[in-house]
Amino acid sequence: MINLDEVQFNILVASIIGDGEITKIYPNSRRINNSYREHYGTEQKNYRLWKQTFLPDLLYITPKSNTLRSKS
């Protein structure tokens, strides 16, 4: 379990409620765990980068798909 401070916890909970989704594991998927993901448009990129600075060990950006995500 990752130790989050109050700000990190609040950003993560608000993101799950408002910005993103917990991914579903489909049959025959290579993943064994769920993950977090949020897609964004180019005008929202700075907001996603800002969010990532608070959770650098948890969230990363995949520029090709404009997605902020966690490891599964």
PDB file of N, CA and C in Angstrom:
ATOM      1  N   MET A   1       0.849  -1.181   0.000  1.00  0.00           N
ATOM      2  CA  MET A   1       0.000   0.000   0.000  1.00  0.00           C
ATOM      3  C   MET A   1       0.891   1.239   0.000  1.00  0.00           C
ATOM      4  N   ILE A   2       0.527   2.194  -0.792  1.00  0.00           N
ATOM      5  CA  ILE A   2       1.304   3.422  -0.903  1.00  0.00           C
ATOM      6  C   ILE A   2       0.858   4.404   0.185  1.00  0.00           C
ATOM      7  N   ASN A   3       1.803   5.107   0.792  1.00  0.00           N
ATOM      8  CA  ASN A   3       1.487   6.108   1.803  1.00  0.00           C
ATOM      9  C   ASN A   3       1.290   7.448   1.133  1.00  0.00           C
ATOM     10  N   LEU A   4       0.093   7.997   1.243  1.00  0.00           N
ATOM     11  CA  LEU A   4      -0.237   9.288   0.644  1.00  0.00           C
ATOM     12  C   LEU A   4      -0.444  10.319   1.733  1.00  0.00           C
ATOM     13  N   ASP A   5       0.011  11.546   1.474  1.00  0.00           N
ATOM     14  CA  ASP A   5      -0.325  12.613   2.412  1.00  0.00           C
ATOM     15  C   ASP A   5      -1.751  13.089   2.108  1.00  0.00           C
ATOM     16  N   GLU A   6      -2.246  14.013   2.879  1.00  0.00           N
ATOM     17  CA  GLU A   6      -3.641  14.441   2.748  1.00  0.00           C
ATOM     18  C   GLU A   6      -3.939  15.044   1.366  1.00  0.00           C
ATOM     19  N   VAL A   7      -3.025  15.861   0.852  1.00  0.00           N
ATOM     20  CA  VAL A   7      -3.233  16.482  -0.467  1.00  0.00           C
ATOM     21  C   VAL A   7      -3.259  15.410  -1.553  1.00  0.00           C
ATOM     22  N   GLN A   8      -2.310  14.490  -1.512  1.00  0.00           N
ATOM     23  CA  GLN A   8      -2.276  13.416  -2.504  1.00  0.00           C
ATOM     24  C   GLN A   8      -3.548  12.567  -2.452  1.00  0.00           C
ATOM     25  N   PHE A   9      -3.978  12.234  -1.244  1.00  0.00           N
ATOM     26  CA  PHE A   9      -5.194  11.444  -1.079  1.00  0.00           C
ATOM     27  C   PHE A   9      -6.397  12.175  -1.664  1.00  0.00           C
ATOM     28  N   ASN A  10      -6.518  13.461  -1.375  1.00  0.00           N
ATOM     29  CA  ASN A  10      -7.636  14.251  -1.886  1.00  0.00           C
ATOM     30  C   ASN A  10      -7.615  14.360  -3.410  1.00  0.00           C
ATOM     31  N   ILE A  11      -6.444  14.551  -3.990  1.00  0.00           N
ATOM     32  CA  ILE A  11      -6.338  14.617  -5.452  1.00  0.00           C
ATOM     33  C   ILE A  11      -6.748  13.289  -6.069  1.00  0.00           C
ATOM     34  N   LEU A  12      -6.288  12.187  -5.484  1.00  0.00           N
ATOM     35  CA  LEU A  12      -6.606  10.876  -6.022  1.00  0.00           C
ATOM     36  C   LEU A  12      -8.099  10.568  -5.930  1.00  0.00           C
ATOM     37  N   VAL A  13      -8.708  10.818  -4.797  1.00  0.00           N
ATOM     38  CA  VAL A  13     -10.150  10.559  -4.631  1.00  0.00           C
ATOM     39  C   VAL A  13     -10.962  11.445  -5.567  1.00  0.00           C
ATOM     40  N   ALA A  14     -10.645  12.734  -5.632  1.00  0.00           N
ATOM     41  CA  ALA A  14     -11.371  13.645  -6.520  1.00  0.00           C
ATOM     42  C   ALA A  14     -11.210  13.237  -7.981  1.00  0.00           C
ATOM     43  N   SER A  15     -10.031  12.742  -8.338  1.00  0.00           N
ATOM     44  CA  SER A  15      -9.793  12.303  -9.708  1.00  0.00           C
ATOM     45  C   SER A  15     -10.635  11.081 -10.048  1.00  0.00           C
ATOM     46  N   ILE A  16     -10.705  10.135  -9.136  1.00  0.00           N
ATOM     47  CA  ILE A  16     -11.509   8.936  -9.367  1.00  0.00           C
ATOM     48  C   ILE A  16     -12.979   9.306  -9.507  1.00  0.00           C
ATOM     49  N   ILE A  17     -13.449  10.215  -8.666  1.00  0.00           N
ATOM     50  CA  ILE A  17     -14.858  10.623  -8.714  1.00  0.00           C
ATOM     51  C   ILE A  17     -15.165  11.454  -9.953  1.00  0.00           C
ATOM     52  N   GLY A  18     -14.251  12.351 -10.335  1.00  0.00           N
ATOM     53  CA  GLY A  18     -14.603  13.315 -11.358  1.00  0.00           C
ATOM     54  C   GLY A  18     -13.927  13.215 -12.702  1.00  0.00           C
ATOM     55  N   ASP A  19     -12.653  12.853 -12.744  1.00  0.00           N
ATOM     56  CA  ASP A  19     -11.891  12.974 -13.984  1.00  0.00           C
ATOM     57  C   ASP A  19     -11.665  11.667 -14.730  1.00  0.00           C
ATOM     58  N   GLY A  20     -11.580  10.587 -14.022  1.00  0.00           N
ATOM     59  CA  GLY A  20     -11.132   9.360 -14.668  1.00  0.00           C
ATOM     60  C   GLY A  20     -11.991   8.159 -14.380  1.00  0.00           C
ATOM     61  N   GLU A  21     -11.354   7.000 -14.502  1.00  0.00           N
ATOM     62  CA  GLU A  21     -12.073   5.751 -14.316  1.00  0.00           C
ATOM     63  C   GLU A  21     -11.119   4.675 -13.817  1.00  0.00           C
ATOM     64  N   ILE A  22     -11.681   3.713 -13.125  1.00  0.00           N
ATOM     65  CA  ILE A  22     -10.956   2.507 -12.772  1.00  0.00           C
ATOM     66  C   ILE A  22     -11.220   1.529 -13.912  1.00  0.00           C
ATOM     67  N   THR A  23     -10.161   1.023 -14.505  1.00  0.00           N
ATOM     68  CA  THR A  23     -10.327   0.169 -15.681  1.00  0.00           C
ATOM     69  C   THR A  23     -10.853  -1.204 -15.292  1.00  0.00           C
ATOM     70  N   LYS A  24     -11.555  -1.783 -16.211  1.00  0.00           N
ATOM     71  CA  LYS A  24     -12.094  -3.123 -16.052  1.00  0.00           C
ATOM     72  C   LYS A  24     -11.116  -4.117 -16.669  1.00  0.00           C
ATOM     73  N   ILE A  25     -10.993  -5.269 -16.069  1.00  0.00           N
ATOM     74  CA  ILE A  25     -10.158  -6.318 -16.637  1.00  0.00           C
ATOM     75  C   ILE A  25     -11.054  -7.214 -17.483  1.00  0.00           C
ATOM     76  N   TYR A  26     -10.745  -7.281 -18.743  1.00  0.00           N
ATOM     77  CA  TYR A  26     -11.532  -8.071 -19.682  1.00  0.00           C
ATOM     78  C   TYR A  26     -10.998  -9.498 -19.771  1.00  0.00           C
ATOM     79  N   PRO A  27     -11.854 -10.446 -20.162  1.00  0.00           N
ATOM     80  CA  PRO A  27     -11.370 -11.821 -20.355  1.00  0.00           C
ATOM     81  C   PRO A  27     -10.203 -11.839 -21.357  1.00  0.00           C
ATOM     82  N   ASN A  28      -9.246 -12.672 -21.090  1.00  0.00           N
ATOM     83  CA  ASN A  28      -8.044 -12.833 -21.921  1.00  0.00           C
ATOM     84  C   ASN A  28      -7.113 -11.622 -21.893  1.00  0.00           C
ATOM     85  N   SER A  29      -7.311 -10.712 -20.939  1.00  0.00           N
ATOM     86  CA  SER A  29      -6.433  -9.554 -20.797  1.00  0.00           C
ATOM     87  C   SER A  29      -5.102  -9.999 -20.199  1.00  0.00           C
ATOM     88  N   ARG A  30      -4.028  -9.312 -20.564  1.00  0.00           N
ATOM     89  CA  ARG A  30      -2.717  -9.604 -19.983  1.00  0.00           C
ATOM     90  C   ARG A  30      -2.609  -9.048 -18.571  1.00  0.00           C
ATOM     91  N   ARG A  31      -3.446  -8.078 -18.242  1.00  0.00           N
ATOM     92  CA  ARG A  31      -3.370  -7.463 -16.916  1.00  0.00           C
ATOM     93  C   ARG A  31      -3.996  -8.381 -15.871  1.00  0.00           C
ATOM     94  N   ILE A  32      -3.471  -8.311 -14.656  1.00  0.00           N
ATOM     95  CA  ILE A  32      -4.061  -9.084 -13.567  1.00  0.00           C
ATOM     96  C   ILE A  32      -4.689  -8.176 -12.514  1.00  0.00           C
ATOM     97  N   ASN A  33      -4.480  -6.876 -12.635  1.00  0.00           N
ATOM     98  CA  ASN A  33      -5.034  -5.907 -11.694  1.00  0.00           C
ATOM     99  C   ASN A  33      -5.699  -4.761 -12.453  1.00  0.00           C
ATOM    100  N   ASN A  34      -6.582  -4.068 -11.775  1.00  0.00           N
ATOM    101  CA  ASN A  34      -7.196  -2.867 -12.352  1.00  0.00           C
ATOM    102  C   ASN A  34      -6.182  -1.727 -12.323  1.00  0.00           C
ATOM    103  N   SER A  35      -6.509  -0.646 -13.015  1.00  0.00           N
ATOM    104  CA  SER A  35      -5.673   0.548 -12.991  1.00  0.00           C
ATOM    105  C   SER A  35      -6.572   1.771 -13.112  1.00  0.00           C
ATOM    106  N   TYR A  36      -5.966   2.932 -12.938  1.00  0.00           N
ATOM    107  CA  TYR A  36      -6.680   4.202 -13.075  1.00  0.00           C
ATOM    108  C   TYR A  36      -6.285   4.823 -14.402  1.00  0.00           C
ATOM    109  N   ARG A  37      -7.253   5.495 -15.050  1.00  0.00           N
ATOM    110  CA  ARG A  37      -6.942   6.144 -16.323  1.00  0.00           C
ATOM    111  C   ARG A  37      -7.872   7.325 -16.529  1.00  0.00           C
ATOM    112  N   GLU A  38      -7.326   8.378 -17.117  1.00  0.00           N
ATOM    113  CA  GLU A  38      -8.154   9.509 -17.542  1.00  0.00           C
ATOM    114  C   GLU A  38      -7.615  10.053 -18.856  1.00  0.00           C
ATOM    115  N   HIS A  39      -8.499  10.153 -19.818  1.00  0.00           N
ATOM    116  CA  HIS A  39      -8.150  10.728 -21.117  1.00  0.00           C
ATOM    117  C   HIS A  39      -8.324  12.241 -21.041  1.00  0.00           C
ATOM    118  N   TYR A  40      -7.588  12.956 -21.862  1.00  0.00           N
ATOM    119  CA  TYR A  40      -7.698  14.417 -21.853  1.00  0.00           C
ATOM    120  C   TYR A  40      -7.419  14.971 -23.245  1.00  0.00           C
ATOM    121  N   GLY A  41      -7.932  16.171 -23.470  1.00  0.00           N
ATOM    122  CA  GLY A  41      -7.644  16.897 -24.696  1.00  0.00           C
ATOM    123  C   GLY A  41      -6.404  17.744 -24.510  1.00  0.00           C
ATOM    124  N   THR A  42      -5.884  18.273 -25.597  1.00  0.00           N
ATOM    125  CA  THR A  42      -4.643  19.051 -25.521  1.00  0.00           C
ATOM    126  C   THR A  42      -4.788  20.275 -24.611  1.00  0.00           C
ATOM    127  N   GLU A  43      -5.978  20.848 -24.553  1.00  0.00           N
ATOM    128  CA  GLU A  43      -6.168  22.018 -23.693  1.00  0.00           C
ATOM    129  C   GLU A  43      -6.135  21.673 -22.204  1.00  0.00           C
ATOM    130  N   GLN A  44      -6.217  20.400 -21.858  1.00  0.00           N
ATOM    131  CA  GLN A  44      -6.180  19.962 -20.459  1.00  0.00           C
ATOM    132  C   GLN A  44      -4.828  19.366 -20.055  1.00  0.00           C
ATOM    133  N   LYS A  45      -3.877  19.363 -20.958  1.00  0.00           N
ATOM    134  CA  LYS A  45      -2.599  18.710 -20.691  1.00  0.00           C
ATOM    135  C   LYS A  45      -1.880  19.309 -19.477  1.00  0.00           C
ATOM    136  N   ASN A  46      -1.848  20.616 -19.355  1.00  0.00           N
ATOM    137  CA  ASN A  46      -1.159  21.246 -18.219  1.00  0.00           C
ATOM    138  C   ASN A  46      -1.795  20.865 -16.888  1.00  0.00           C
ATOM    139  N   TYR A  47      -3.115  20.721 -16.866  1.00  0.00           N
ATOM    140  CA  TYR A  47      -3.811  20.283 -15.652  1.00  0.00           C
ATOM    141  C   TYR A  47      -3.379  18.871 -15.282  1.00  0.00           C
ATOM    142  N   ARG A  48      -3.267  17.979 -16.258  1.00  0.00           N
ATOM    143  CA  ARG A  48      -2.848  16.606 -15.999  1.00  0.00           C
ATOM    144  C   ARG A  48      -1.385  16.558 -15.552  1.00  0.00           C
ATOM    145  N   LEU A  49      -0.536  17.381 -16.140  1.00  0.00           N
ATOM    146  CA  LEU A  49       0.864  17.458 -15.704  1.00  0.00           C
ATOM    147  C   LEU A  49       0.956  17.964 -14.270  1.00  0.00           C
ATOM    148  N   TRP A  50       0.133  18.950 -13.940  1.00  0.00           N
ATOM    149  CA  TRP A  50       0.087  19.468 -12.570  1.00  0.00           C
ATOM    150  C   TRP A  50      -0.306  18.359 -11.604  1.00  0.00           C
ATOM    151  N   LYS A  51      -1.310  17.597 -11.958  1.00  0.00           N
ATOM    152  CA  LYS A  51      -1.781  16.506 -11.109  1.00  0.00           C
ATOM    153  C   LYS A  51      -0.691  15.448 -10.936  1.00  0.00           C
ATOM    154  N   GLN A  52       0.008  15.148 -11.997  1.00  0.00           N
ATOM    155  CA  GLN A  52       1.060  14.141 -11.944  1.00  0.00           C
ATOM    156  C   GLN A  52       2.193  14.562 -11.012  1.00  0.00           C
ATOM    157  N   THR A  53       2.469  15.859 -10.902  1.00  0.00           N
ATOM    158  CA  THR A  53       3.546  16.314 -10.019  1.00  0.00           C
ATOM    159  C   THR A  53       3.269  15.974  -8.561  1.00  0.00           C
ATOM    160  N   PHE A  54       2.000  15.844  -8.186  1.00  0.00           N
ATOM    161  CA  PHE A  54       1.652  15.484  -6.816  1.00  0.00           C
ATOM    162  C   PHE A  54       1.735  13.973  -6.573  1.00  0.00           C
ATOM    163  N   LEU A  55       1.646  13.182  -7.635  1.00  0.00           N
ATOM    164  CA  LEU A  55       1.657  11.725  -7.503  1.00  0.00           C
ATOM    165  C   LEU A  55       2.640  11.095  -8.507  1.00  0.00           C
ATOM    166  N   PRO A  56       3.914  11.521  -8.472  1.00  0.00           N
ATOM    167  CA  PRO A  56       4.858  11.074  -9.502  1.00  0.00           C
ATOM    168  C   PRO A  56       5.166   9.573  -9.457  1.00  0.00           C
ATOM    169  N   ASP A  57       5.041   8.949  -8.293  1.00  0.00           N
ATOM    170  CA  ASP A  57       5.317   7.518  -8.188  1.00  0.00           C
ATOM    171  C   ASP A  57       4.093   6.666  -8.538  1.00  0.00           C
ATOM    172  N   LEU A  58       2.963   7.310  -8.736  1.00  0.00           N
ATOM    173  CA  LEU A  58       1.725   6.583  -8.993  1.00  0.00           C
ATOM    174  C   LEU A  58       1.174   6.810 -10.397  1.00  0.00           C
ATOM    175  N   LEU A  59       1.251   8.055 -10.881  1.00  0.00           N
ATOM    176  CA  LEU A  59       0.651   8.390 -12.172  1.00  0.00           C
ATOM    177  C   LEU A  59       1.710   8.734 -13.207  1.00  0.00           C
ATOM    178  N   TYR A  60       1.440   8.391 -14.440  1.00  0.00           N
ATOM    179  CA  TYR A  60       2.318   8.765 -15.544  1.00  0.00           C
ATOM    180  C   TYR A  60       1.468   9.093 -16.762  1.00  0.00           C
ATOM    181  N   ILE A  61       2.039   9.836 -17.687  1.00  0.00           N
ATOM    182  CA  ILE A  61       1.321  10.269 -18.889  1.00  0.00           C
ATOM    183  C   ILE A  61       1.808   9.471 -20.086  1.00  0.00           C
ATOM    184  N   THR A  62       0.854   9.034 -20.895  1.00  0.00           N
ATOM    185  CA  THR A  62       1.184   8.428 -22.184  1.00  0.00           C
ATOM    186  C   THR A  62       0.770   9.432 -23.252  1.00  0.00           C
ATOM    187  N   PRO A  63       1.743  10.173 -23.794  1.00  0.00           N
ATOM    188  CA  PRO A  63       1.442  11.266 -24.721  1.00  0.00           C
ATOM    189  C   PRO A  63       0.721  10.832 -25.998  1.00  0.00           C
ATOM    190  N   LYS A  64       1.037   9.656 -26.499  1.00  0.00           N
ATOM    191  CA  LYS A  64       0.434   9.206 -27.756  1.00  0.00           C
ATOM    192  C   LYS A  64      -1.090   9.104 -27.644  1.00  0.00           C
ATOM    193  N   SER A  65      -1.572   8.669 -26.491  1.00  0.00           N
ATOM    194  CA  SER A  65      -3.020   8.516 -26.309  1.00  0.00           C
ATOM    195  C   SER A  65      -3.626   9.610 -25.430  1.00  0.00           C
ATOM    196  N   ASN A  66      -2.821  10.621 -25.053  1.00  0.00           N
ATOM    197  CA  ASN A  66      -3.309  11.696 -24.168  1.00  0.00           C
ATOM    198  C   ASN A  66      -4.016  11.112 -22.951  1.00  0.00           C
ATOM    199  N   THR A  67      -3.286  10.290 -22.212  1.00  0.00           N
ATOM    200  CA  THR A  67      -3.872   9.615 -21.057  1.00  0.00           C
ATOM    201  C   THR A  67      -2.951   9.752 -19.842  1.00  0.00           C
ATOM    202  N   LEU A  68      -3.572  10.052 -18.720  1.00  0.00           N
ATOM    203  CA  LEU A  68      -2.902  10.000 -17.432  1.00  0.00           C
ATOM    204  C   LEU A  68      -3.336   8.672 -16.814  1.00  0.00           C
ATOM    205  N   ARG A  69      -2.375   7.866 -16.376  1.00  0.00           N
ATOM    206  CA  ARG A  69      -2.745   6.540 -15.910  1.00  0.00           C
ATOM    207  C   ARG A  69      -1.844   6.077 -14.790  1.00  0.00           C
ATOM    208  N   SER A  70      -2.281   5.003 -14.149  1.00  0.00           N
ATOM    209  CA  SER A  70      -1.471   4.335 -13.128  1.00  0.00           C
ATOM    210  C   SER A  70      -1.053   2.969 -13.656  1.00  0.00           C
ATOM    211  N   LYS A  71      -0.105   2.374 -12.979  1.00  0.00           N
ATOM    212  CA  LYS A  71       0.256   0.998 -13.301  1.00  0.00           C
ATOM    213  C   LYS A  71      -0.897   0.097 -12.877  1.00  0.00           C
ATOM    214  N   SER A  72      -0.990  -1.059 -13.516  1.00  0.00           N
ATOM    215  CA  SER A  72      -2.047  -1.993 -13.106  1.00  0.00           C
ATOM    216  C   SER A  72      -1.545  -2.889 -12.000  1.00  0.00           C
TER     217      SER A  72
END
